[in-house]
Protein backbone atom coordinates (compact mmCIF):
# COMPACT_ATOMS: atom_id res chain seq x y z
CA MET A 1 33.87 134.13 112.41
CA GLY A 2 32.55 130.84 111.21
CA SER A 3 34.41 129.03 108.54
CA VAL A 4 33.05 127.27 105.48
CA VAL A 5 34.20 123.72 105.04
CA ARG A 6 34.92 122.68 101.49
CA VAL A 7 34.86 118.97 100.74
CA HIS A 8 36.44 117.66 97.54
CA THR A 9 34.77 114.55 96.13
CA LEU A 10 35.75 113.09 92.76
CA GLY A 11 36.95 116.38 91.40
CA SER A 12 33.98 118.48 92.52
CA VAL A 13 33.72 120.98 95.31
CA ARG A 14 30.78 120.97 97.72
CA ASP A 15 29.95 123.81 100.08
CA ASP A 16 28.55 122.67 103.41
CA ALA A 17 27.39 126.18 104.12
CA ALA A 18 23.68 127.01 103.67
CA PRO A 19 22.85 128.62 100.34
CA THR A 20 22.64 132.38 100.36
CA ALA A 21 19.46 134.31 99.49
CA PRO A 22 20.56 135.11 95.89
CA ARG A 23 21.32 131.42 95.32
CA ARG A 24 17.87 130.42 96.62
CA ARG A 25 16.17 132.94 94.35
CA ARG A 26 18.18 131.71 91.37
CA ARG A 27 17.27 128.07 92.15
CA LEU A 28 13.60 128.99 92.60
CA GLY A 29 13.67 130.79 89.26
CA LEU A 30 15.22 127.76 87.55
CA VAL A 31 12.70 125.38 89.12
CA THR A 32 9.80 127.64 88.11
CA ALA A 33 11.12 127.87 84.55
CA LEU A 34 11.50 124.09 84.40
CA VAL A 35 7.94 123.48 85.63
CA VAL A 36 6.52 125.98 83.10
CA ALA A 37 8.56 124.39 80.30
CA LEU A 38 7.24 120.94 81.20
CA LEU A 39 3.64 122.13 81.27
CA VAL A 40 4.02 123.73 77.85
CA ALA A 41 5.78 120.67 76.42
CA VAL A 42 3.09 118.18 77.48
CA PRO A 43 1.50 116.76 74.33
CA SER A 44 -1.98 117.96 73.51
CA THR A 45 -3.21 114.36 73.43
CA VAL A 46 -3.06 114.32 77.21
CA ALA A 47 -5.58 117.15 77.24
CA LEU A 48 -7.81 115.07 74.94
CA ALA A 49 -8.00 112.17 77.38
CA VAL A 50 -11.48 113.01 78.64
CA ALA A 51 -13.90 110.37 79.90
CA PRO A 52 -17.29 110.24 78.14
CA VAL A 53 -20.60 110.78 79.91
CA GLY A 54 -21.71 107.32 81.09
CA GLY A 55 -24.97 106.09 79.57
CA ALA A 56 -25.17 109.00 77.14
CA ILE A 57 -26.30 108.90 73.53
CA TYR A 58 -24.14 110.99 71.19
CA ARG A 59 -25.45 112.32 67.87
CA GLY A 60 -23.66 114.27 65.21
CA SER A 61 -22.66 114.65 61.61
CA GLY A 62 -19.55 114.97 59.52
CA VAL A 63 -18.31 115.81 56.08
CA GLN A 64 -18.06 112.85 53.71
CA TYR A 65 -15.13 112.51 51.33
CA PHE A 66 -14.80 110.12 48.37
CA ASN A 67 -11.53 108.73 47.07
CA ASN A 68 -12.74 107.94 43.56
CA HIS A 69 -11.22 110.97 41.93
CA LYS A 70 -7.89 111.86 40.43
CA CYS A 71 -5.36 112.21 43.23
CA LEU A 72 -3.45 115.49 43.04
CA SER A 73 -0.62 114.33 45.32
CA GLY A 74 0.28 111.24 43.30
CA PRO A 75 -1.05 108.40 41.17
CA GLY A 76 -3.79 106.04 42.32
CA LEU A 77 -7.13 106.36 44.04
CA ASN A 78 -6.02 106.75 47.65
CA CYS A 79 -6.78 110.44 48.19
CA TYR A 80 -9.91 111.49 50.04
CA GLY A 81 -10.59 114.96 48.74
CA LEU A 82 -14.02 115.36 47.19
CA ASP A 83 -16.45 116.85 49.70
CA ARG A 84 -19.74 114.99 49.20
CA GLY A 85 -22.00 116.63 51.75
CA ARG A 86 -22.74 115.63 55.33
CA GLN A 87 -23.59 112.29 56.91
CA LYS A 88 -25.27 111.65 60.27
CA PHE A 89 -24.06 109.19 62.91
CA SER A 90 -24.87 108.23 66.48
CA PHE A 91 -23.64 105.94 69.24
CA GLN A 92 -24.27 105.10 72.88
CA VAL A 93 -21.80 104.77 75.75
CA SER A 94 -22.19 102.17 78.51
CA PRO A 95 -23.38 103.37 81.94
CA ASN A 96 -19.83 103.11 83.35
CA GLY A 97 -18.38 105.08 80.38
CA LYS A 98 -15.90 102.35 79.42
CA VAL A 99 -17.55 100.89 76.33
CA LEU A 100 -19.00 102.27 73.11
CA GLU A 101 -22.01 99.98 72.68
CA GLN A 102 -23.58 100.81 69.32
CA PHE A 103 -22.43 102.92 66.39
CA VAL A 104 -24.53 103.70 63.32
CA GLY A 105 -23.23 105.95 60.56
CA GLY A 106 -24.48 106.92 57.14
CA PHE A 107 -22.47 107.06 53.94
CA ASN A 108 -22.99 107.40 50.22
CA CYS A 109 -20.74 105.57 47.89
CA GLY A 110 -19.62 106.83 44.55
CA CYS A 111 -18.72 103.39 43.21
CA ALA A 112 -21.98 101.61 42.44
CA CYS A 113 -22.78 100.15 45.85
CA ARG A 114 -26.28 99.80 47.32
CA GLU A 115 -25.56 100.20 51.05
CA ASN A 116 -25.86 103.55 52.77
CA SER A 117 -25.13 102.90 56.43
CA ILE A 118 -22.73 101.04 58.66
CA SER A 119 -23.45 99.55 62.02
CA ILE A 120 -20.85 98.47 64.55
CA ASN A 121 -22.62 96.28 67.07
CA LYS A 122 -19.62 94.87 68.91
CA MET A 123 -18.50 96.35 72.21
CA VAL A 124 -15.66 98.82 71.62
CA ALA A 125 -13.46 99.64 74.62
CA ILE A 126 -12.92 103.29 75.52
CA LYS A 127 -9.39 103.77 76.89
CA ARG A 128 -8.02 107.12 78.04
CA GLY A 129 -10.90 108.89 76.28
CA SER A 130 -10.28 107.24 72.88
CA PHE A 131 -11.70 104.32 70.94
CA SER A 132 -10.93 102.43 67.75
CA ALA A 133 -12.62 99.56 65.93
CA THR A 134 -12.12 97.74 62.66
CA GLY A 135 -14.26 95.13 61.03
CA THR A 136 -16.06 93.99 57.94
CA MET A 137 -19.67 94.02 56.82
CA PRO A 138 -21.36 92.20 53.94
CA GLY A 139 -22.52 94.28 51.01
CA GLY A 140 -24.15 92.36 48.20
CA ASN A 141 -21.34 90.66 46.30
CA PHE A 142 -18.69 92.54 48.27
CA THR A 143 -17.30 92.67 51.78
CA TYR A 144 -16.68 96.16 53.06
CA LYS A 145 -13.87 97.05 55.43
CA VAL A 146 -14.89 99.50 58.14
CA LYS A 147 -12.58 101.48 60.41
CA LEU A 148 -13.85 103.75 63.21
CA THR A 149 -11.72 106.00 65.42
CA GLY A 150 -12.59 108.77 67.86
CA HIS A 151 -11.85 110.58 71.10
CA PHE A 152 -13.84 112.57 73.63
CA THR A 153 -13.30 116.26 74.37
CA GLY A 154 -15.15 119.11 76.04
CA ARG A 155 -15.69 117.52 79.47
CA GLY A 156 -16.76 114.32 77.75
CA LYS A 157 -19.81 115.87 76.10
CA ARG A 158 -18.27 116.01 72.61
CA ALA A 159 -16.55 113.37 70.48
CA SER A 160 -14.43 113.73 67.35
CA ILE A 161 -15.27 110.86 64.98
CA LYS A 162 -13.73 109.45 61.81
CA TYR A 163 -14.97 106.38 59.99
CA GLN A 164 -13.93 104.92 56.70
CA VAL A 165 -15.59 102.33 54.44
CA THR A 166 -13.47 100.67 51.73
CA GLY A 167 -13.70 97.63 49.47
CA MET A 168 -16.48 98.95 47.28
CA PRO A 169 -16.32 98.08 43.58
CA PRO A 170 -13.97 98.76 41.91
CA PRO A 171 -11.32 98.46 44.63
CA PRO A 172 -9.92 100.55 46.26
CA CYS A 173 -13.00 102.74 46.07
CA GLY A 174 -13.98 104.13 49.47
CA THR A 175 -15.53 106.88 51.51
CA ARG A 176 -14.52 108.64 54.72
CA VAL A 177 -16.63 110.70 57.15
CA ILE A 178 -15.04 113.12 59.64
CA GLY A 179 -17.17 114.97 62.17
CA THR A 180 -18.28 115.70 65.71
CA ALA A 181 -20.97 114.25 67.95
CA HIS A 182 -22.52 115.84 71.07
CA THR A 183 -24.57 114.76 74.03
CA ARG A 184 -26.58 116.80 76.53
């Protein structure tokens, strides 16, 4: 009969014999459980990292919210809660799919402003399926702050968009549009 050699190293015991079938099944079960747990635990943002369709024009609309109402969660005018209908927006992606080239979005303001659209003409980088841009635009006697964020989903044919315009009189009056754009 063969003998099993046991080696003691720093207080642990190591078997030099090959693992038995029940041990292999137990290890396989543990490895499988670990792989499944990791797949379930992966953040959903990884699934959102979808490249856009290069050269495509995206069009869509979103719900507009004003912040010039009484905030139910606390004092001030920083809540965006009043649904003020839908606004249209569109943008184009560069042929290589790495740059958002032009964004135009409509908005109404509830604070005595005359403008009704924003335009972001600068090149906005698309990284890991997401993009973000901030800037300012003149508006009569005021300068508006504009913030645009979004990410691509649905095999790159759909984009979730959010843009916000603030700095309208009287500060901090603003509007926010949240919606979805599609391409063919």
